[in-house]
Amino acid sequence: RVSFARGDYFDAATIPASAGRGTCFALKTILHDWDDHDAGAIMRNVVARMEAGDRLFVLEFVQVVPEFLRERPLWDLNMRIFGGRERSVANF
């Protein structure tokens, strides 16, 4: 079964609790919108709602090309304005 739920990533109490052992939580293209401090807070809040045996899937783009070689100026501008960042494998 799959269900989708709303919650405020910065308020753990609004994130739905685990439905029991084996619940999967997913964050898809969320963390790249936030700086390291806020991305860490998001992950800590989700993990706080999990139980033993649950899983957290993080689905993000991984930067494999040096930033100066990318040609996505609007994407980069969005990241710079809102403080997010693309991360390499080592950053995760």
Protein backbone atom coordinates (compact mmCIF):
# COMPACT_ATOMS: atom_id res chain seq x y z
CA ARG A 1 0.00 0.00 0.00
CA VAL A 2 1.05 3.53 -0.68
CA SER A 3 -0.18 6.69 0.96
CA PHE A 4 0.84 10.28 0.56
CA ALA A 5 0.74 12.70 3.45
CA ARG A 6 1.41 16.34 4.10
CA GLY A 7 3.62 17.66 6.81
CA ASP A 8 5.94 20.51 7.69
CA TYR A 9 9.50 19.22 7.45
CA PHE A 10 10.56 21.69 10.12
CA ASP A 11 7.91 20.55 12.63
CA ALA A 12 8.30 16.84 13.38
CA ALA A 13 4.87 16.71 15.03
CA THR A 14 3.18 17.36 11.65
CA ILE A 15 5.03 14.54 9.87
CA PRO A 16 2.88 11.39 9.88
CA ALA A 17 4.19 8.72 12.23
CA SER A 18 5.29 5.29 11.11
CA ALA A 19 2.49 2.87 10.22
CA GLY A 20 4.49 0.05 11.75
CA ARG A 21 7.66 -1.90 11.09
CA GLY A 22 8.68 -1.66 7.48
CA THR A 23 7.15 1.72 6.68
CA CYS A 24 9.03 3.51 3.93
CA PHE A 25 9.44 7.26 3.96
CA ALA A 26 10.59 9.07 0.83
CA LEU A 27 12.04 12.51 0.23
CA LYS A 28 12.13 13.20 -3.50
CA THR A 29 13.99 16.29 -4.71
CA ILE A 30 13.48 17.99 -1.37
CA LEU A 31 16.94 18.32 0.18
CA HIS A 32 18.54 20.16 -2.75
CA ASP A 33 16.28 23.13 -1.98
CA TRP A 34 17.91 23.65 1.42
CA ASP A 35 21.35 24.39 2.80
CA ASP A 36 23.18 21.72 4.81
CA HIS A 37 21.81 22.91 8.18
CA ASP A 38 18.17 22.85 7.06
CA ALA A 39 18.57 19.63 5.05
CA GLY A 40 19.92 18.00 8.21
CA ALA A 41 16.97 19.32 10.23
CA ILE A 42 14.53 17.89 7.67
CA MET A 43 16.15 14.47 7.84
CA ARG A 44 16.31 14.50 11.65
CA ASN A 45 12.59 15.36 11.86
CA VAL A 46 11.60 12.58 9.47
CA VAL A 47 13.79 10.05 11.29
CA ALA A 48 12.20 11.13 14.59
CA ARG A 49 8.85 9.86 13.26
CA MET A 50 10.26 6.50 12.16
CA GLU A 51 10.39 3.22 14.08
CA ALA A 52 13.00 0.47 14.04
CA GLY A 53 12.82 -1.38 10.74
CA ASP A 54 11.47 1.59 8.77
CA ARG A 55 13.35 2.91 5.75
CA LEU A 56 14.06 6.42 4.47
CA PHE A 57 14.59 6.79 0.73
CA VAL A 58 16.31 9.98 -0.41
CA LEU A 59 15.85 10.56 -4.14
CA GLU A 60 18.01 13.46 -5.28
CA PHE A 61 20.04 14.46 -8.28
CA VAL A 62 23.71 13.79 -7.62
CA GLN A 63 26.18 16.27 -9.02
CA VAL A 64 28.72 14.42 -11.13
CA VAL A 65 29.91 17.28 -13.35
CA PRO A 66 31.86 20.16 -11.80
CA GLU A 67 29.55 23.09 -11.18
CA PHE A 68 31.38 25.45 -13.52
CA LEU A 69 30.71 23.10 -16.47
CA ARG A 70 26.96 22.92 -16.03
CA GLU A 71 24.80 25.04 -18.31
CA ARG A 72 21.64 25.46 -16.31
CA PRO A 73 21.68 29.13 -15.33
CA LEU A 74 18.06 29.30 -14.13
CA TRP A 75 18.50 26.19 -11.98
CA ASP A 76 21.67 27.62 -10.48
CA LEU A 77 19.99 30.98 -9.87
CA ASN A 78 17.15 29.27 -8.03
CA MET A 79 19.60 27.36 -5.84
CA ARG A 80 21.58 30.52 -5.05
CA ILE A 81 18.55 32.66 -4.22
CA PHE A 82 16.94 30.15 -1.90
CA GLY A 83 20.14 28.80 -0.36
CA GLY A 84 19.89 25.25 -1.68
CA ARG A 85 22.65 23.27 -3.28
CA GLU A 86 23.23 20.25 -5.40
CA ARG A 87 25.38 17.69 -3.64
CA SER A 88 27.92 15.16 -4.82
CA VAL A 89 28.01 11.57 -3.60
CA ALA A 90 30.64 12.60 -1.04
CA ASN A 91 28.28 15.32 0.31
CA PHE A 92 25.65 12.72 1.13
